[in-house]
Amino acid sequence: MSSASATATPASKYTTHLTRSWHQYQGVTPSHLHSIPHYNQSCVEHAKLYGDHVMFLRDEVTKITGYYWYGNGFPTENRADTDGYVDVRTGKKYTLHGEGSFFKDIGRQ
């Protein structure tokens, strides 16, 4: 006699999401703070401003390809290579498309 055990996927606590991109970060942060560790930590701190129901994502920056010099009057450029997104609350990585999409983890009941 065998018993079947169902593997339940826990319901997501998220109902929506916000993304703080590297592009946005460069545009609002002084140039001397443009580093991957500072960006990652600032996203963790920024996420604390929102309720736990908000999935807070950041770009997974793999390499800075240039620097935006804060305050020069020109629009910010995306000066980094990225590889998807990371949920700053859980550390879970998401691809840009496909099975790893973060939309599948939002609002799942």
PDB file of N, CA and C in Angstrom:
ATOM      1  N   MET A   1       0.851  -1.168   0.000  1.00  0.00           N
ATOM      2  CA  MET A   1       0.000   0.000   0.000  1.00  0.00           C
ATOM      3  C   MET A   1       0.899   1.233   0.000  1.00  0.00           C
ATOM      4  N   SER A   2       0.675   2.118  -0.919  1.00  0.00           N
ATOM      5  CA  SER A   2       1.490   3.327  -0.981  1.00  0.00           C
ATOM      6  C   SER A   2       0.602   4.550  -0.842  1.00  0.00           C
ATOM      7  N   SER A   3       1.176   5.538  -0.274  1.00  0.00           N
ATOM      8  CA  SER A   3       0.408   6.785  -0.149  1.00  0.00           C
ATOM      9  C   SER A   3       1.054   7.832  -1.032  1.00  0.00           C
ATOM     10  N   ALA A   4       0.240   8.500  -1.769  1.00  0.00           N
ATOM     11  CA  ALA A   4       0.736   9.563  -2.652  1.00  0.00           C
ATOM     12  C   ALA A   4       0.818  10.850  -1.858  1.00  0.00           C
ATOM     13  N   SER A   5       1.939  11.493  -1.967  1.00  0.00           N
ATOM     14  CA  SER A   5       2.071  12.788  -1.286  1.00  0.00           C
ATOM     15  C   SER A   5       2.138  13.888  -2.327  1.00  0.00           C
ATOM     16  N   ALA A   6       1.299  14.844  -2.164  1.00  0.00           N
ATOM     17  CA  ALA A   6       1.266  15.972  -3.091  1.00  0.00           C
ATOM     18  C   ALA A   6       2.302  17.006  -2.662  1.00  0.00           C
ATOM     19  N   THR A   7       3.035  17.471  -3.622  1.00  0.00           N
ATOM     20  CA  THR A   7       3.987  18.538  -3.343  1.00  0.00           C
ATOM     21  C   THR A   7       3.295  19.850  -3.621  1.00  0.00           C
ATOM     22  N   ALA A   8       3.030  20.577  -2.581  1.00  0.00           N
ATOM     23  CA  ALA A   8       2.320  21.847  -2.727  1.00  0.00           C
ATOM     24  C   ALA A   8       3.324  22.979  -2.884  1.00  0.00           C
ATOM     25  N   THR A   9       3.015  23.858  -3.772  1.00  0.00           N
ATOM     26  CA  THR A   9       3.817  25.059  -3.930  1.00  0.00           C
ATOM     27  C   THR A   9       3.225  26.113  -3.015  1.00  0.00           C
ATOM     28  N   PRO A  10       4.044  26.674  -2.126  1.00  0.00           N
ATOM     29  CA  PRO A  10       3.483  27.675  -1.217  1.00  0.00           C
ATOM     30  C   PRO A  10       2.938  28.886  -1.972  1.00  0.00           C
ATOM     31  N   ALA A  11       1.870  29.421  -1.463  1.00  0.00           N
ATOM     32  CA  ALA A  11       1.270  30.599  -2.086  1.00  0.00           C
ATOM     33  C   ALA A  11       2.218  31.787  -1.956  1.00  0.00           C
ATOM     34  N   SER A  12       2.301  32.567  -2.996  1.00  0.00           N
ATOM     35  CA  SER A  12       3.164  33.737  -2.986  1.00  0.00           C
ATOM     36  C   SER A  12       2.537  34.826  -2.130  1.00  0.00           C
ATOM     37  N   LYS A  13       3.382  35.519  -1.415  1.00  0.00           N
ATOM     38  CA  LYS A  13       2.898  36.643  -0.624  1.00  0.00           C
ATOM     39  C   LYS A  13       2.871  37.916  -1.451  1.00  0.00           C
ATOM     40  N   TYR A  14       3.409  37.857  -2.649  1.00  0.00           N
ATOM     41  CA  TYR A  14       3.497  39.047  -3.494  1.00  0.00           C
ATOM     42  C   TYR A  14       2.217  39.283  -4.291  1.00  0.00           C
ATOM     43  N   THR A  15       1.849  40.548  -4.402  1.00  0.00           N
ATOM     44  CA  THR A  15       0.704  40.920  -5.223  1.00  0.00           C
ATOM     45  C   THR A  15       1.096  41.852  -6.361  1.00  0.00           C
ATOM     46  N   THR A  16       2.290  42.429  -6.292  1.00  0.00           N
ATOM     47  CA  THR A  16       2.775  43.334  -7.323  1.00  0.00           C
ATOM     48  C   THR A  16       4.299  43.382  -7.245  1.00  0.00           C
ATOM     49  N   HIS A  17       4.910  44.161  -8.125  1.00  0.00           N
ATOM     50  CA  HIS A  17       6.370  44.254  -8.096  1.00  0.00           C
ATOM     51  C   HIS A  17       6.836  45.665  -8.453  1.00  0.00           C
ATOM     52  N   LEU A  18       8.055  45.967  -8.047  1.00  0.00           N
ATOM     53  CA  LEU A  18       8.768  47.182  -8.440  1.00  0.00           C
ATOM     54  C   LEU A  18      10.170  46.763  -8.852  1.00  0.00           C
ATOM     55  N   THR A  19      10.738  47.497  -9.795  1.00  0.00           N
ATOM     56  CA  THR A  19      12.100  47.215 -10.230  1.00  0.00           C
ATOM     57  C   THR A  19      12.927  48.480 -10.097  1.00  0.00           C
ATOM     58  N   ARG A  20      14.065  48.361  -9.440  1.00  0.00           N
ATOM     59  CA  ARG A  20      15.027  49.461  -9.403  1.00  0.00           C
ATOM     60  C   ARG A  20      16.180  49.049 -10.304  1.00  0.00           C
ATOM     61  N   SER A  21      16.190  49.607 -11.496  1.00  0.00           N
ATOM     62  CA  SER A  21      17.179  49.210 -12.487  1.00  0.00           C
ATOM     63  C   SER A  21      18.517  49.914 -12.252  1.00  0.00           C
ATOM     64  N   TRP A  22      19.564  49.326 -12.807  1.00  0.00           N
ATOM     65  CA  TRP A  22      20.881  49.948 -12.786  1.00  0.00           C
ATOM     66  C   TRP A  22      20.805  51.314 -13.480  1.00  0.00           C
ATOM     67  N   HIS A  23      20.068  51.376 -14.568  1.00  0.00           N
ATOM     68  CA  HIS A  23      19.885  52.611 -15.331  1.00  0.00           C
ATOM     69  C   HIS A  23      19.324  53.713 -14.431  1.00  0.00           C
ATOM     70  N   GLN A  24      18.268  53.410 -13.691  1.00  0.00           N
ATOM     71  CA  GLN A  24      17.680  54.401 -12.792  1.00  0.00           C
ATOM     72  C   GLN A  24      18.654  54.759 -11.675  1.00  0.00           C
ATOM     73  N   TYR A  25      19.301  53.754 -11.108  1.00  0.00           N
ATOM     74  CA  TYR A  25      20.249  53.961 -10.016  1.00  0.00           C
ATOM     75  C   TYR A  25      21.340  54.949 -10.428  1.00  0.00           C
ATOM     76  N   GLN A  26      21.895  54.783 -11.627  1.00  0.00           N
ATOM     77  CA  GLN A  26      22.942  55.685 -12.096  1.00  0.00           C
ATOM     78  C   GLN A  26      22.433  57.121 -12.217  1.00  0.00           C
ATOM     79  N   GLY A  27      21.176  57.269 -12.566  1.00  0.00           N
ATOM     80  CA  GLY A  27      20.623  58.603 -12.777  1.00  0.00           C
ATOM     81  C   GLY A  27      20.347  59.383 -11.504  1.00  0.00           C
ATOM     82  N   VAL A  28      20.213  58.680 -10.372  1.00  0.00           N
ATOM     83  CA  VAL A  28      19.849  59.373  -9.129  1.00  0.00           C
ATOM     84  C   VAL A  28      20.915  59.253  -8.042  1.00  0.00           C
ATOM     85  N   THR A  29      22.022  58.594  -8.350  1.00  0.00           N
ATOM     86  CA  THR A  29      23.067  58.341  -7.357  1.00  0.00           C
ATOM     87  C   THR A  29      24.362  59.013  -7.790  1.00  0.00           C
ATOM     88  N   PRO A  30      25.045  59.681  -6.871  1.00  0.00           N
ATOM     89  CA  PRO A  30      26.329  60.309  -7.223  1.00  0.00           C
ATOM     90  C   PRO A  30      27.321  59.281  -7.792  1.00  0.00           C
ATOM     91  N   SER A  31      28.122  59.712  -8.737  1.00  0.00           N
ATOM     92  CA  SER A  31      29.007  58.824  -9.489  1.00  0.00           C
ATOM     93  C   SER A  31      29.967  58.025  -8.628  1.00  0.00           C
ATOM     94  N   HIS A  32      30.426  58.583  -7.534  1.00  0.00           N
ATOM     95  CA  HIS A  32      31.399  57.861  -6.716  1.00  0.00           C
ATOM     96  C   HIS A  32      30.794  56.636  -6.024  1.00  0.00           C
ATOM     97  N   LEU A  33      29.471  56.479  -6.093  1.00  0.00           N
ATOM     98  CA  LEU A  33      28.798  55.319  -5.502  1.00  0.00           C
ATOM     99  C   LEU A  33      28.362  54.293  -6.551  1.00  0.00           C
ATOM    100  N   HIS A  34      28.813  54.458  -7.783  1.00  0.00           N
ATOM    101  CA  HIS A  34      28.429  53.540  -8.850  1.00  0.00           C
ATOM    102  C   HIS A  34      29.301  52.288  -8.814  1.00  0.00           C
ATOM    103  N   SER A  35      28.904  51.359  -7.946  1.00  0.00           N
ATOM    104  CA  SER A  35      29.562  50.051  -7.878  1.00  0.00           C
ATOM    105  C   SER A  35      28.474  49.001  -7.711  1.00  0.00           C
ATOM    106  N   ILE A  36      28.788  47.773  -8.088  1.00  0.00           N
ATOM    107  CA  ILE A  36      27.801  46.705  -7.977  1.00  0.00           C
ATOM    108  C   ILE A  36      27.414  46.457  -6.522  1.00  0.00           C
ATOM    109  N   PRO A  37      28.376  46.350  -5.587  1.00  0.00           N
ATOM    110  CA  PRO A  37      27.968  46.118  -4.190  1.00  0.00           C
ATOM    111  C   PRO A  37      27.100  47.251  -3.621  1.00  0.00           C
ATOM    112  N   HIS A  38      27.423  48.495  -3.956  1.00  0.00           N
ATOM    113  CA  HIS A  38      26.619  49.603  -3.427  1.00  0.00           C
ATOM    114  C   HIS A  38      25.226  49.591  -4.048  1.00  0.00           C
ATOM    115  N   TYR A  39      25.134  49.311  -5.330  1.00  0.00           N
ATOM    116  CA  TYR A  39      23.831  49.204  -5.991  1.00  0.00           C
ATOM    117  C   TYR A  39      22.989  48.109  -5.338  1.00  0.00           C
ATOM    118  N   ASN A  40      23.584  46.924  -5.154  1.00  0.00           N
ATOM    119  CA  ASN A  40      22.849  45.814  -4.551  1.00  0.00           C
ATOM    120  C   ASN A  40      22.356  46.173  -3.153  1.00  0.00           C
ATOM    121  N   GLN A  41      23.208  46.758  -2.335  1.00  0.00           N
ATOM    122  CA  GLN A  41      22.820  47.119  -0.971  1.00  0.00           C
ATOM    123  C   GLN A  41      21.774  48.229  -0.960  1.00  0.00           C
ATOM    124  N   SER A  42      21.897  49.192  -1.866  1.00  0.00           N
ATOM    125  CA  SER A  42      20.904  50.268  -1.902  1.00  0.00           C
ATOM    126  C   SER A  42      19.525  49.731  -2.275  1.00  0.00           C
ATOM    127  N   CYS A  43      19.484  48.704  -3.109  1.00  0.00           N
ATOM    128  CA  CYS A  43      18.200  48.089  -3.464  1.00  0.00           C
ATOM    129  C   CYS A  43      17.584  47.386  -2.257  1.00  0.00           C
ATOM    130  N   VAL A  44      18.407  46.720  -1.454  1.00  0.00           N
ATOM    131  CA  VAL A  44      17.911  46.072  -0.237  1.00  0.00           C
ATOM    132  C   VAL A  44      17.311  47.124   0.691  1.00  0.00           C
ATOM    133  N   GLU A  45      18.008  48.225   0.861  1.00  0.00           N
ATOM    134  CA  GLU A  45      17.519  49.297   1.732  1.00  0.00           C
ATOM    135  C   GLU A  45      16.256  49.941   1.159  1.00  0.00           C
ATOM    136  N   HIS A  46      16.227  50.148  -0.142  1.00  0.00           N
ATOM    137  CA  HIS A  46      15.076  50.770  -0.793  1.00  0.00           C
ATOM    138  C   HIS A  46      13.832  49.880  -0.659  1.00  0.00           C
ATOM    139  N   ALA A  47      14.019  48.574  -0.720  1.00  0.00           N
ATOM    140  CA  ALA A  47      12.892  47.634  -0.611  1.00  0.00           C
ATOM    141  C   ALA A  47      12.193  47.745   0.738  1.00  0.00           C
ATOM    142  N   LYS A  48      12.921  48.173   1.760  1.00  0.00           N
ATOM    143  CA  LYS A  48      12.340  48.304   3.097  1.00  0.00           C
ATOM    144  C   LYS A  48      11.277  49.399   3.167  1.00  0.00           C
ATOM    145  N   LEU A  49      11.225  50.246   2.156  1.00  0.00           N
ATOM    146  CA  LEU A  49      10.226  51.322   2.111  1.00  0.00           C
ATOM    147  C   LEU A  49       8.851  50.814   1.674  1.00  0.00           C
ATOM    148  N   TYR A  50       8.787  49.560   1.217  1.00  0.00           N
ATOM    149  CA  TYR A  50       7.551  49.000   0.678  1.00  0.00           C
ATOM    150  C   TYR A  50       7.130  47.788   1.496  1.00  0.00           C
ATOM    151  N   GLY A  51       5.847  47.496   1.480  1.00  0.00           N
ATOM    152  CA  GLY A  51       5.315  46.352   2.204  1.00  0.00           C
ATOM    153  C   GLY A  51       5.831  45.033   1.668  1.00  0.00           C
ATOM    154  N   ASP A  52       5.691  44.002   2.490  1.00  0.00           N
ATOM    155  CA  ASP A  52       6.165  42.669   2.119  1.00  0.00           C
ATOM    156  C   ASP A  52       5.409  42.067   0.935  1.00  0.00           C
ATOM    157  N   HIS A  53       4.283  42.644   0.570  1.00  0.00           N
ATOM    158  CA  HIS A  53       3.528  42.126  -0.569  1.00  0.00           C
ATOM    159  C   HIS A  53       4.101  42.593  -1.907  1.00  0.00           C
ATOM    160  N   VAL A  54       5.109  43.478  -1.875  1.00  0.00           N
ATOM    161  CA  VAL A  54       5.716  44.006  -3.094  1.00  0.00           C
ATOM    162  C   VAL A  54       7.018  43.267  -3.377  1.00  0.00           C
ATOM    163  N   MET A  55       7.069  42.563  -4.504  1.00  0.00           N
ATOM    164  CA  MET A  55       8.323  41.945  -4.932  1.00  0.00           C
ATOM    165  C   MET A  55       9.220  43.068  -5.421  1.00  0.00           C
ATOM    166  N   PHE A  56      10.382  43.198  -4.813  1.00  0.00           N
ATOM    167  CA  PHE A  56      11.288  44.284  -5.180  1.00  0.00           C
ATOM    168  C   PHE A  56      12.474  43.681  -5.923  1.00  0.00           C
ATOM    169  N   LEU A  57      12.586  44.030  -7.200  1.00  0.00           N
ATOM    170  CA  LEU A  57      13.603  43.464  -8.071  1.00  0.00           C
ATOM    171  C   LEU A  57      14.713  44.460  -8.366  1.00  0.00           C
ATOM    172  N   ARG A  58      15.896  43.932  -8.601  1.00  0.00           N
ATOM    173  CA  ARG A  58      17.020  44.721  -9.101  1.00  0.00           C
ATOM    174  C   ARG A  58      17.607  43.985 -10.282  1.00  0.00           C
ATOM    175  N   ASP A  59      18.306  44.710 -11.135  1.00  0.00           N
ATOM    176  CA  ASP A  59      19.044  44.066 -12.218  1.00  0.00           C
ATOM    177  C   ASP A  59      20.160  43.223 -11.627  1.00  0.00           C
ATOM    178  N   GLU A  60      20.437  42.088 -12.234  1.00  0.00           N
ATOM    179  CA  GLU A  60      21.595  41.285 -11.862  1.00  0.00           C
ATOM    180  C   GLU A  60      22.761  41.823 -12.698  1.00  0.00           C
ATOM    181  N   VAL A  61      23.451  42.815 -12.160  1.00  0.00           N
ATOM    182  CA  VAL A  61      24.559  43.452 -12.873  1.00  0.00           C
ATOM    183  C   VAL A  61      25.766  42.527 -12.797  1.00  0.00           C
ATOM    184  N   THR A  62      26.291  42.165 -13.969  1.00  0.00           N
ATOM    185  CA  THR A  62      27.443  41.270 -14.018  1.00  0.00           C
ATOM    186  C   THR A  62      28.737  42.016 -14.303  1.00  0.00           C
ATOM    187  N   LYS A  63      28.618  43.177 -14.961  1.00  0.00           N
ATOM    188  CA  LYS A  63      29.817  43.932 -15.311  1.00  0.00           C
ATOM    189  C   LYS A  63      29.433  45.378 -15.595  1.00  0.00           C
ATOM    190  N   ILE A  64      30.155  46.307 -15.001  1.00  0.00           N
ATOM    191  CA  ILE A  64      29.973  47.721 -15.316  1.00  0.00           C
ATOM    192  C   ILE A  64      30.800  48.008 -16.563  1.00  0.00           C
ATOM    193  N   THR A  65      30.160  48.541 -17.574  1.00  0.00           N
ATOM    194  CA  THR A  65      30.842  48.774 -18.857  1.00  0.00           C
ATOM    195  C   THR A  65      31.241  50.223 -19.049  1.00  0.00           C
ATOM    196  N   GLY A  66      30.919  51.064 -18.114  1.00  0.00           N
ATOM    197  CA  GLY A  66      31.265  52.473 -18.177  1.00  0.00           C
ATOM    198  C   GLY A  66      30.623  53.168 -16.996  1.00  0.00           C
ATOM    199  N   TYR A  67      30.903  54.414 -16.863  1.00  0.00           N
ATOM    200  CA  TYR A  67      30.372  55.171 -15.728  1.00  0.00           C
ATOM    201  C   TYR A  67      29.619  56.387 -16.221  1.00  0.00           C
ATOM    202  N   TYR A  68      28.563  56.687 -15.538  1.00  0.00           N
ATOM    203  CA  TYR A  68      27.787  57.885 -15.790  1.00  0.00           C
ATOM    204  C   TYR A  68      28.246  58.914 -14.778  1.00  0.00           C
ATOM    205  N   TRP A  69      28.738  60.025 -15.253  1.00  0.00           N
ATOM    206  CA  TRP A  69      29.212  61.075 -14.341  1.00  0.00           C
ATOM    207  C   TRP A  69      28.041  61.946 -13.947  1.00  0.00           C
ATOM    208  N   TYR A  70      27.632  61.788 -12.720  1.00  0.00           N
ATOM    209  CA  TYR A  70      26.461  62.436 -12.142  1.00  0.00           C
ATOM    210  C   TYR A  70      26.508  63.946 -12.324  1.00  0.00           C
ATOM    211  N   GLY A  71      25.420  64.507 -12.818  1.00  0.00           N
ATOM    212  CA  GLY A  71      25.262  65.960 -12.875  1.00  0.00           C
ATOM    213  C   GLY A  71      25.825  66.650 -14.100  1.00  0.00           C
ATOM    214  N   ASN A  72      26.127  65.915 -15.169  1.00  0.00           N
ATOM    215  CA  ASN A  72      26.688  66.574 -16.343  1.00  0.00           C
ATOM    216  C   ASN A  72      25.631  67.110 -17.293  1.00  0.00           C
ATOM    217  N   GLY A  73      24.367  66.901 -16.980  1.00  0.00           N
ATOM    218  CA  GLY A  73      23.289  67.453 -17.793  1.00  0.00           C
ATOM    219  C   GLY A  73      22.802  66.550 -18.903  1.00  0.00           C
ATOM    220  N   PHE A  74      23.498  65.464 -19.181  1.00  0.00           N
ATOM    221  CA  PHE A  74      23.069  64.541 -20.219  1.00  0.00           C
ATOM    222  C   PHE A  74      22.262  63.406 -19.596  1.00  0.00           C
ATOM    223  N   PRO A  75      21.366  62.794 -20.355  1.00  0.00           N
ATOM    224  CA  PRO A  75      20.591  61.685 -19.797  1.00  0.00           C
ATOM    225  C   PRO A  75      21.484  60.494 -19.471  1.00  0.00           C
ATOM    226  N   THR A  76      21.053  59.712 -18.508  1.00  0.00           N
ATOM    227  CA  THR A  76      21.783  58.527 -18.094  1.00  0.00           C
ATOM    228  C   THR A  76      21.784  57.484 -19.207  1.00  0.00           C
ATOM    229  N   GLU A  77      22.872  56.757 -19.317  1.00  0.00           N
ATOM    230  CA  GLU A  77      22.949  55.633 -20.239  1.00  0.00           C
ATOM    231  C   GLU A  77      23.025  54.353 -19.413  1.00  0.00           C
ATOM    232  N   ASN A  78      22.539  53.259 -19.970  1.00  0.00           N
ATOM    233  CA  ASN A  78      22.670  51.981 -19.287  1.00  0.00           C
ATOM    234  C   ASN A  78      24.082  51.477 -19.530  1.00  0.00           C
ATOM    235  N   ARG A  79      24.943  51.605 -18.548  1.00  0.00           N
ATOM    236  CA  ARG A  79      26.357  51.306 -18.713  1.00  0.00           C
ATOM    237  C   ARG A  79      26.744  50.043 -17.958  1.00  0.00           C
ATOM    238  N   ALA A  80      26.002  48.958 -18.141  1.00  0.00           N
ATOM    239  CA  ALA A  80      26.330  47.707 -17.477  1.00  0.00           C
ATOM    240  C   ALA A  80      25.741  46.526 -18.246  1.00  0.00           C
ATOM    241  N   ASP A  81      26.405  45.392 -18.105  1.00  0.00           N
ATOM    242  CA  ASP A  81      25.864  44.138 -18.604  1.00  0.00           C
ATOM    243  C   ASP A  81      25.031  43.531 -17.476  1.00  0.00           C
ATOM    244  N   THR A  82      23.859  43.025 -17.829  1.00  0.00           N
ATOM    245  CA  THR A  82      22.985  42.437 -16.824  1.00  0.00           C
ATOM    246  C   THR A  82      22.557  41.040 -17.263  1.00  0.00           C
ATOM    247  N   ASP A  83      22.121  40.254 -16.291  1.00  0.00           N
ATOM    248  CA  ASP A  83      21.684  38.893 -16.558  1.00  0.00           C
ATOM    249  C   ASP A  83      20.408  38.629 -15.775  1.00  0.00           C
ATOM    250  N   GLY A  84      19.313  39.213 -16.196  1.00  0.00           N
ATOM    251  CA  GLY A  84      18.034  39.005 -15.538  1.00  0.00           C
ATOM    252  C   GLY A  84      17.851  39.890 -14.314  1.00  0.00           C
ATOM    253  N   TYR A  85      17.019  39.409 -13.402  1.00  0.00           N
ATOM    254  CA  TYR A  85      16.667  40.165 -12.201  1.00  0.00           C
ATOM    255  C   TYR A  85      16.880  39.318 -10.956  1.00  0.00           C
ATOM    256  N   VAL A  86      16.943  39.984  -9.804  1.00  0.00           N
ATOM    257  CA  VAL A  86      17.042  39.311  -8.514  1.00  0.00           C
ATOM    258  C   VAL A  86      16.009  39.929  -7.583  1.00  0.00           C
ATOM    259  N   ASP A  87      15.252  39.075  -6.886  1.00  0.00           N
ATOM    260  CA  ASP A  87      14.343  39.525  -5.837  1.00  0.00           C
ATOM    261  C   ASP A  87      15.223  39.862  -4.636  1.00  0.00           C
ATOM    262  N   VAL A  88      15.283  41.127  -4.247  1.00  0.00           N
ATOM    263  CA  VAL A  88      16.203  41.529  -3.185  1.00  0.00           C
ATOM    264  C   VAL A  88      15.774  41.006  -1.816  1.00  0.00           C
ATOM    265  N   ARG A  89      14.529  40.619  -1.665  1.00  0.00           N
ATOM    266  CA  ARG A  89      14.063  40.082  -0.379  1.00  0.00           C
ATOM    267  C   ARG A  89      14.460  38.614  -0.191  1.00  0.00           C
ATOM    268  N   THR A  90      14.459  37.836  -1.268  1.00  0.00           N
ATOM    269  CA  THR A  90      14.720  36.399  -1.163  1.00  0.00           C
ATOM    270  C   THR A  90      16.029  35.965  -1.815  1.00  0.00           C
ATOM    271  N   GLY A  91      16.543  36.781  -2.734  1.00  0.00           N
ATOM    272  CA  GLY A  91      17.752  36.409  -3.467  1.00  0.00           C
ATOM    273  C   GLY A  91      17.479  35.541  -4.683  1.00  0.00           C
ATOM    274  N   LYS A  92      16.211  35.251  -4.958  1.00  0.00           N
ATOM    275  CA  LYS A  92      15.873  34.401  -6.099  1.00  0.00           C
ATOM    276  C   LYS A  92      16.158  35.134  -7.398  1.00  0.00           C
ATOM    277  N   LYS A  93      16.823  34.425  -8.324  1.00  0.00           N
ATOM    278  CA  LYS A  93      17.156  35.006  -9.623  1.00  0.00           C
ATOM    279  C   LYS A  93      16.081  34.664 -10.644  1.00  0.00           C
ATOM    280  N   TYR A  94      15.833  35.605 -11.547  1.00  0.00           N
ATOM    281  CA  TYR A  94      14.856  35.430 -12.606  1.00  0.00           C
ATOM    282  C   TYR A  94      15.488  35.781 -13.941  1.00  0.00           C
ATOM    283  N   THR A  95      15.132  35.007 -14.961  1.00  0.00           N
ATOM    284  CA  THR A  95      15.576  35.319 -16.309  1.00  0.00           C
ATOM    285  C   THR A  95      14.661  36.393 -16.887  1.00  0.00           C
ATOM    286  N   LEU A  96      15.032  36.907 -18.025  1.00  0.00           N
ATOM    287  CA  LEU A  96      14.197  37.927 -18.651  1.00  0.00           C
ATOM    288  C   LEU A  96      12.945  37.328 -19.278  1.00  0.00           C
ATOM    289  N   HIS A  97      13.007  36.064 -19.663  1.00  0.00           N
ATOM    290  CA  HIS A  97      11.881  35.406 -20.330  1.00  0.00           C
ATOM    291  C   HIS A  97      11.812  33.952 -19.883  1.00  0.00           C
ATOM    292  N   GLY A  98      10.721  33.314 -20.157  1.00  0.00           N
ATOM    293  CA  GLY A  98      10.630  31.877 -19.964  1.00  0.00           C
ATOM    294  C   GLY A  98      10.212  31.447 -18.575  1.00  0.00           C
ATOM    295  N   GLU A  99      10.633  30.233 -18.216  1.00  0.00           N
ATOM    296  CA  GLU A  99      10.207  29.597 -16.968  1.00  0.00           C
ATOM    297  C   GLU A  99      10.583  30.389 -15.730  1.00  0.00           C
ATOM    298  N   GLY A 100      11.649  31.130 -15.778  1.00  0.00           N
ATOM    299  CA  GLY A 100      12.103  31.862 -14.605  1.00  0.00           C
ATOM    300  C   GLY A 100      11.449  33.220 -14.439  1.00  0.00           C
ATOM    301  N   SER A 101      10.390  33.497 -15.157  1.00  0.00           N
ATOM    302  CA  SER A 101       9.757  34.800 -15.098  1.00  0.00           C
ATOM    303  C   SER A 101       9.164  35.073 -13.721  1.00  0.00           C
ATOM    304  N   PHE A 102       9.430  36.267 -13.201  1.00  0.00           N
ATOM    305  CA  PHE A 102       8.914  36.628 -11.875  1.00  0.00           C
ATOM    306  C   PHE A 102       7.405  36.796 -11.871  1.00  0.00           C
ATOM    307  N   PHE A 103       6.790  36.988 -13.027  1.00  0.00           N
ATOM    308  CA  PHE A 103       5.336  37.140 -13.061  1.00  0.00           C
ATOM    309  C   PHE A 103       4.634  35.877 -12.561  1.00  0.00           C
ATOM    310  N   LYS A 104       5.289  34.740 -12.693  1.00  0.00           N
ATOM    311  CA  LYS A 104       4.683  33.489 -12.231  1.00  0.00           C
ATOM    312  C   LYS A 104       4.646  33.423 -10.705  1.00  0.00           C
ATOM    313  N   ASP A 105       5.495  34.201 -10.041  1.00  0.00           N
ATOM    314  CA  ASP A 105       5.529  34.202  -8.570  1.00  0.00           C
ATOM    315  C   ASP A 105       4.696  35.306  -7.945  1.00  0.00           C
ATOM    316  N   ILE A 106       4.041  36.097  -8.756  1.00  0.00           N
ATOM    317  CA  ILE A 106       3.211  37.194  -8.231  1.00  0.00           C
ATOM    318  C   ILE A 106       1.745  36.783  -8.317  1.00  0.00           C
ATOM    319  N   GLY A 107       1.063  36.895  -7.202  1.00  0.00           N
ATOM    320  CA  GLY A 107      -0.367  36.658  -7.193  1.00  0.00           C
ATOM    321  C   GLY A 107      -0.793  35.213  -7.270  1.00  0.00           C
ATOM    322  N   ARG A 108       0.173  34.291  -7.146  1.00  0.00           N
ATOM    323  CA  ARG A 108      -0.176  32.872  -7.175  1.00  0.00           C
ATOM    324  C   ARG A 108      -0.909  32.545  -5.881  1.00  0.00           C
ATOM    325  N   GLN A 109      -2.080  32.007  -5.987  1.00  0.00           N
ATOM    326  CA  GLN A 109      -2.916  31.726  -4.802  1.00  0.00           C
ATOM    327  C   GLN A 109      -3.002  30.240  -4.553  1.00  0.00           C
TER     328      GLN A 109
END
